[in-house]
Amino acid sequence: MQLLVFMEEAFSGCVMREWQGNKVRYEVPHVGVDGKALKLSAMFGELTKQKESLDLQEYSLSQTSLEQIFNKFASTQEEESGDVKGMS
């Protein structure tokens, strides 16, 4: 798929998180491989330039919400086991 190649070349380090029918969702790191911050405006510009050649009908960009960050962090935590000091 042409979109997959484009995303890997334009936004190195991106990870495909979802692919359902004609909907694809990527996670793009906020810092590129060159160490510079990736700006939403620049990313939007790249997608706009390639919209026709990639046959994109709709697309959107958004920053990670605090809820998404919390949920990702919480999913990596292990449940504590054992007694708590001072509690019986």
C-alpha atoms as a PDB file:
ATOM      1  CA  MET A   1       0.000   0.000   0.000  1.00  0.00           C
ATOM      2  CA  GLN A   2       1.359   3.376  -1.035  1.00  0.00           C
ATOM      3  CA  LEU A   3       0.252   5.049   2.209  1.00  0.00           C
ATOM      4  CA  LEU A   4       2.344   2.678   4.331  1.00  0.00           C
ATOM      5  CA  VAL A   5       5.492   3.491   2.371  1.00  0.00           C
ATOM      6  CA  PHE A   6       4.766   7.230   2.499  1.00  0.00           C
ATOM      7  CA  MET A   7       4.211   7.229   6.266  1.00  0.00           C
ATOM      8  CA  GLU A   8       7.432   5.320   6.954  1.00  0.00           C
ATOM      9  CA  GLU A   9       9.452   7.667   4.744  1.00  0.00           C
ATOM     10  CA  ALA A  10       7.822  10.944   5.795  1.00  0.00           C
ATOM     11  CA  PHE A  11       7.456  10.218   9.524  1.00  0.00           C
ATOM     12  CA  SER A  12      10.164   7.763  10.502  1.00  0.00           C
ATOM     13  CA  GLY A  13       9.444   5.943  13.718  1.00  0.00           C
ATOM     14  CA  CYS A  14       5.684   6.015  13.195  1.00  0.00           C
ATOM     15  CA  VAL A  15       3.705   2.950  14.239  1.00  0.00           C
ATOM     16  CA  MET A  16       0.450   1.767  12.692  1.00  0.00           C
ATOM     17  CA  ARG A  17      -1.999   1.310  15.580  1.00  0.00           C
ATOM     18  CA  GLU A  18      -5.185   0.452  13.707  1.00  0.00           C
ATOM     19  CA  TRP A  19      -6.275  -0.623  10.231  1.00  0.00           C
ATOM     20  CA  GLN A  20      -9.972  -1.273   9.661  1.00  0.00           C
ATOM     21  CA  GLY A  21     -11.226  -1.246   6.104  1.00  0.00           C
ATOM     22  CA  ASN A  22     -10.363   2.173   4.718  1.00  0.00           C
ATOM     23  CA  LYS A  23      -9.432   3.681   8.110  1.00  0.00           C
ATOM     24  CA  VAL A  24      -5.804   3.712   9.245  1.00  0.00           C
ATOM     25  CA  ARG A  25      -4.504   5.196  12.507  1.00  0.00           C
ATOM     26  CA  TYR A  26      -0.825   5.914  13.153  1.00  0.00           C
ATOM     27  CA  GLU A  27       1.122   7.029  16.176  1.00  0.00           C
ATOM     28  CA  VAL A  28       3.880   9.415  15.147  1.00  0.00           C
ATOM     29  CA  PRO A  29       6.669  10.278  17.604  1.00  0.00           C
ATOM     30  CA  HIS A  30       6.867  13.951  18.555  1.00  0.00           C
ATOM     31  CA  VAL A  31      10.584  13.975  17.732  1.00  0.00           C
ATOM     32  CA  GLY A  32      12.028  12.864  14.399  1.00  0.00           C
ATOM     33  CA  VAL A  33      15.132  10.743  13.927  1.00  0.00           C
ATOM     34  CA  ASP A  34      17.120  13.964  13.468  1.00  0.00           C
ATOM     35  CA  GLY A  35      16.204  14.973  17.034  1.00  0.00           C
ATOM     36  CA  LYS A  36      13.994  17.870  15.919  1.00  0.00           C
ATOM     37  CA  ALA A  37      10.393  18.227  17.050  1.00  0.00           C
ATOM     38  CA  LEU A  38       7.785  17.271  14.472  1.00  0.00           C
ATOM     39  CA  LYS A  39       5.220  20.044  14.162  1.00  0.00           C
ATOM     40  CA  LEU A  40       1.590  19.269  13.418  1.00  0.00           C
ATOM     41  CA  SER A  41       1.575  22.031  10.801  1.00  0.00           C
ATOM     42  CA  ALA A  42       4.472  20.447   8.883  1.00  0.00           C
ATOM     43  CA  MET A  43       2.874  17.006   9.096  1.00  0.00           C
ATOM     44  CA  PHE A  44      -0.437  18.414   7.874  1.00  0.00           C
ATOM     45  CA  GLY A  45       1.384  20.110   4.992  1.00  0.00           C
ATOM     46  CA  GLU A  46       3.003  16.829   3.922  1.00  0.00           C
ATOM     47  CA  LEU A  47      -0.318  15.001   3.952  1.00  0.00           C
ATOM     48  CA  THR A  48      -2.006  17.814   2.040  1.00  0.00           C
ATOM     49  CA  LYS A  49       0.687  17.703  -0.671  1.00  0.00           C
ATOM     50  CA  GLN A  50       0.261  13.950  -1.064  1.00  0.00           C
ATOM     51  CA  LYS A  51      -3.528  13.773  -0.647  1.00  0.00           C
ATOM     52  CA  GLU A  52      -4.274  13.122  -4.315  1.00  0.00           C
ATOM     53  CA  SER A  53      -1.399  10.736  -5.008  1.00  0.00           C
ATOM     54  CA  LEU A  54      -2.255   8.703  -1.887  1.00  0.00           C
ATOM     55  CA  ASP A  55      -5.984   8.769  -2.721  1.00  0.00           C
ATOM     56  CA  LEU A  56      -6.850  10.164   0.725  1.00  0.00           C
ATOM     57  CA  GLN A  57     -10.474  11.169   1.179  1.00  0.00           C
ATOM     58  CA  GLU A  58     -10.219  12.383   4.772  1.00  0.00           C
ATOM     59  CA  TYR A  59      -7.438  12.735   7.312  1.00  0.00           C
ATOM     60  CA  SER A  60      -6.864  14.365  10.644  1.00  0.00           C
ATOM     61  CA  LEU A  61      -4.020  14.956  13.058  1.00  0.00           C
ATOM     62  CA  SER A  62      -4.177  15.372  16.810  1.00  0.00           C
ATOM     63  CA  GLN A  63      -1.890  15.394  19.785  1.00  0.00           C
ATOM     64  CA  THR A  64      -2.065  12.694  22.408  1.00  0.00           C
ATOM     65  CA  SER A  65      -4.565  13.570  25.126  1.00  0.00           C
ATOM     66  CA  LEU A  66      -3.732  13.396  28.829  1.00  0.00           C
ATOM     67  CA  GLU A  67      -6.258  10.563  29.121  1.00  0.00           C
ATOM     68  CA  GLN A  68      -4.416   8.551  26.458  1.00  0.00           C
ATOM     69  CA  ILE A  69      -1.088   9.144  28.210  1.00  0.00           C
ATOM     70  CA  PHE A  70      -2.569   8.058  31.559  1.00  0.00           C
ATOM     71  CA  ASN A  71      -4.161   4.929  30.053  1.00  0.00           C
ATOM     72  CA  LYS A  72      -0.907   3.928  28.352  1.00  0.00           C
ATOM     73  CA  PHE A  73       1.028   4.455  31.597  1.00  0.00           C
ATOM     74  CA  ALA A  74      -1.571   2.579  33.653  1.00  0.00           C
ATOM     75  CA  SER A  75      -1.542  -0.365  31.263  1.00  0.00           C
ATOM     76  CA  THR A  76       2.175  -0.889  31.875  1.00  0.00           C
ATOM     77  CA  GLN A  77       1.871  -0.949  35.673  1.00  0.00           C
ATOM     78  CA  GLU A  78       1.815  -4.191  37.598  1.00  0.00           C
ATOM     79  CA  GLU A  79      -0.635  -4.777  40.407  1.00  0.00           C
ATOM     80  CA  GLU A  80       0.999  -4.643  43.819  1.00  0.00           C
ATOM     81  CA  SER A  81       0.752  -7.717  45.964  1.00  0.00           C
ATOM     82  CA  GLY A  82       1.544  -8.318  49.608  1.00  0.00           C
ATOM     83  CA  ASP A  83       0.859  -6.476  52.789  1.00  0.00           C
ATOM     84  CA  VAL A  84       1.095  -2.740  53.177  1.00  0.00           C
ATOM     85  CA  LYS A  85       3.234  -1.626  56.094  1.00  0.00           C
ATOM     86  CA  GLY A  86       1.085  -0.251  58.909  1.00  0.00           C
ATOM     87  CA  MET A  87      -2.103  -1.845  57.553  1.00  0.00           C
ATOM     88  CA  SER A  88      -3.512  -5.060  58.918  1.00  0.00           C
END
